[in-house]
Amino acid sequence: MEGDRRRHSRRPHELRATFRFGGRLLEGRASNISVGGAWFAADAAPSLGSRLTLCVNSGPEDRRVELQGEVARAYSSSATSRSMR
């Protein structure tokens, strides 16, 4: 894809997710997950540069995976969208 600056390919499926940041816990969804980042949406989200933990259940055994990162981009829509790295 032209203009795509990602260093790692992302998996294009959506998962229910939990986000922890600043003592808060939010429910939402995550998609496009890779070694280098992920996209997520929730009704509220941390601001750019905020550190957070993204928790998803994945794989055939529905194993819980926790990913730590930083909010790198923000988009406005009916749900607040963020991209983390």
C-alpha atoms as a PDB file:
ATOM      1  CA  MET A   1       0.000   0.000   0.000  1.00  0.00           C
ATOM      2  CA  GLU A   2       1.522   3.297  -1.071  1.00  0.00           C
ATOM      3  CA  GLY A   3       2.177   5.736   1.763  1.00  0.00           C
ATOM      4  CA  ASP A   4       2.000   3.016   4.429  1.00  0.00           C
ATOM      5  CA  ARG A   5       4.977   3.573   6.753  1.00  0.00           C
ATOM      6  CA  ARG A   6       4.454   0.500   8.945  1.00  0.00           C
ATOM      7  CA  ARG A   7       7.493  -1.664   9.593  1.00  0.00           C
ATOM      8  CA  HIS A   8       5.411  -4.742  10.470  1.00  0.00           C
ATOM      9  CA  SER A   9       2.400  -6.274   8.736  1.00  0.00           C
ATOM     10  CA  ARG A  10      -0.847  -6.171  10.698  1.00  0.00           C
ATOM     11  CA  ARG A  11      -3.575  -8.785  11.111  1.00  0.00           C
ATOM     12  CA  PRO A  12      -6.846  -7.358   9.762  1.00  0.00           C
ATOM     13  CA  HIS A  13      -9.402  -8.740  12.199  1.00  0.00           C
ATOM     14  CA  GLU A  14     -11.279  -7.204  15.091  1.00  0.00           C
ATOM     15  CA  LEU A  15     -11.225  -8.337  18.738  1.00  0.00           C
ATOM     16  CA  ARG A  16     -13.073  -7.181  21.815  1.00  0.00           C
ATOM     17  CA  ALA A  17     -10.571  -5.515  24.103  1.00  0.00           C
ATOM     18  CA  THR A  18     -10.060  -3.906  27.482  1.00  0.00           C
ATOM     19  CA  PHE A  19      -7.859  -0.827  27.897  1.00  0.00           C
ATOM     20  CA  ARG A  20      -6.162   0.168  31.139  1.00  0.00           C
ATOM     21  CA  PHE A  21      -4.670   3.621  31.579  1.00  0.00           C
ATOM     22  CA  GLY A  22      -4.375   6.105  34.421  1.00  0.00           C
ATOM     23  CA  GLY A  23      -6.312   3.879  36.827  1.00  0.00           C
ATOM     24  CA  ARG A  24      -9.233   3.566  34.358  1.00  0.00           C
ATOM     25  CA  LEU A  25     -10.585   0.448  32.677  1.00  0.00           C
ATOM     26  CA  LEU A  26     -12.493   0.754  29.364  1.00  0.00           C
ATOM     27  CA  GLU A  27     -14.154  -1.748  27.049  1.00  0.00           C
ATOM     28  CA  GLY A  28     -13.751  -1.390  23.282  1.00  0.00           C
ATOM     29  CA  ARG A  29     -12.357  -3.167  20.255  1.00  0.00           C
ATOM     30  CA  ALA A  30      -8.936  -3.566  18.683  1.00  0.00           C
ATOM     31  CA  SER A  31      -7.906  -4.426  15.142  1.00  0.00           C
ATOM     32  CA  ASN A  32      -4.913  -4.349  12.810  1.00  0.00           C
ATOM     33  CA  ILE A  33      -2.634  -5.733  15.529  1.00  0.00           C
ATOM     34  CA  SER A  34       1.079  -6.226  14.803  1.00  0.00           C
ATOM     35  CA  VAL A  35       4.427  -6.275  16.580  1.00  0.00           C
ATOM     36  CA  GLY A  36       4.686  -2.521  15.962  1.00  0.00           C
ATOM     37  CA  GLY A  37       1.203  -1.332  16.918  1.00  0.00           C
ATOM     38  CA  ALA A  38      -2.577  -1.654  16.898  1.00  0.00           C
ATOM     39  CA  TRP A  39      -5.710   0.371  16.242  1.00  0.00           C
ATOM     40  CA  PHE A  40      -8.394   0.575  18.921  1.00  0.00           C
ATOM     41  CA  ALA A  41     -11.733   2.257  19.533  1.00  0.00           C
ATOM     42  CA  ALA A  42     -13.596   2.970  22.768  1.00  0.00           C
ATOM     43  CA  ASP A  43     -16.157   5.506  24.005  1.00  0.00           C
ATOM     44  CA  ALA A  44     -13.351   7.349  25.785  1.00  0.00           C
ATOM     45  CA  ALA A  45      -9.621   7.063  25.308  1.00  0.00           C
ATOM     46  CA  PRO A  46      -6.341   8.463  26.575  1.00  0.00           C
ATOM     47  CA  SER A  47      -4.737  11.446  24.886  1.00  0.00           C
ATOM     48  CA  LEU A  48      -1.763  11.318  22.515  1.00  0.00           C
ATOM     49  CA  GLY A  49       1.412  10.095  24.184  1.00  0.00           C
ATOM     50  CA  SER A  50      -0.454   8.341  27.024  1.00  0.00           C
ATOM     51  CA  ARG A  51       0.844   4.928  28.139  1.00  0.00           C
ATOM     52  CA  LEU A  52      -1.740   2.123  28.228  1.00  0.00           C
ATOM     53  CA  THR A  53      -2.245  -1.620  28.405  1.00  0.00           C
ATOM     54  CA  LEU A  54      -4.424  -3.276  25.764  1.00  0.00           C
ATOM     55  CA  CYS A  55      -5.865  -6.670  26.779  1.00  0.00           C
ATOM     56  CA  VAL A  56      -7.349  -9.056  24.179  1.00  0.00           C
ATOM     57  CA  ASN A  57      -8.273 -12.726  24.047  1.00  0.00           C
ATOM     58  CA  SER A  58      -6.816 -14.423  20.996  1.00  0.00           C
ATOM     59  CA  GLY A  59      -6.131 -17.737  19.303  1.00  0.00           C
ATOM     60  CA  PRO A  60      -7.954 -21.047  19.294  1.00  0.00           C
ATOM     61  CA  GLU A  61      -7.527 -21.352  23.067  1.00  0.00           C
ATOM     62  CA  ASP A  62      -8.865 -17.802  23.610  1.00  0.00           C
ATOM     63  CA  ARG A  63      -5.672 -16.937  25.489  1.00  0.00           C
ATOM     64  CA  ARG A  64      -5.493 -13.517  27.164  1.00  0.00           C
ATOM     65  CA  VAL A  65      -2.737 -11.293  25.754  1.00  0.00           C
ATOM     66  CA  GLU A  66      -1.647  -7.977  27.285  1.00  0.00           C
ATOM     67  CA  LEU A  67       0.104  -5.405  25.111  1.00  0.00           C
ATOM     68  CA  GLN A  68       1.699  -2.242  26.463  1.00  0.00           C
ATOM     69  CA  GLY A  69       2.127   0.841  24.342  1.00  0.00           C
ATOM     70  CA  GLU A  70       1.725   4.539  23.800  1.00  0.00           C
ATOM     71  CA  VAL A  71      -1.039   6.392  21.944  1.00  0.00           C
ATOM     72  CA  ALA A  72       0.511   7.533  18.639  1.00  0.00           C
ATOM     73  CA  ARG A  73      -2.492   8.860  16.647  1.00  0.00           C
ATOM     74  CA  ALA A  74      -6.072   9.931  17.326  1.00  0.00           C
ATOM     75  CA  TYR A  75      -9.158  10.019  15.087  1.00  0.00           C
ATOM     76  CA  SER A  76     -12.644  11.369  15.825  1.00  0.00           C
ATOM     77  CA  SER A  77     -15.842   9.473  15.063  1.00  0.00           C
ATOM     78  CA  SER A  78     -18.869   8.194  16.973  1.00  0.00           C
ATOM     79  CA  ALA A  79     -16.388   6.150  19.037  1.00  0.00           C
ATOM     80  CA  THR A  80     -13.015   7.591  19.911  1.00  0.00           C
ATOM     81  CA  SER A  81     -10.288   5.870  17.865  1.00  0.00           C
ATOM     82  CA  ARG A  82      -6.608   5.619  18.684  1.00  0.00           C
ATOM     83  CA  SER A  83      -3.533   3.988  17.222  1.00  0.00           C
ATOM     84  CA  MET A  84      -0.903   2.716  19.630  1.00  0.00           C
ATOM     85  CA  ARG A  85       2.690   1.671  19.149  1.00  0.00           C
END
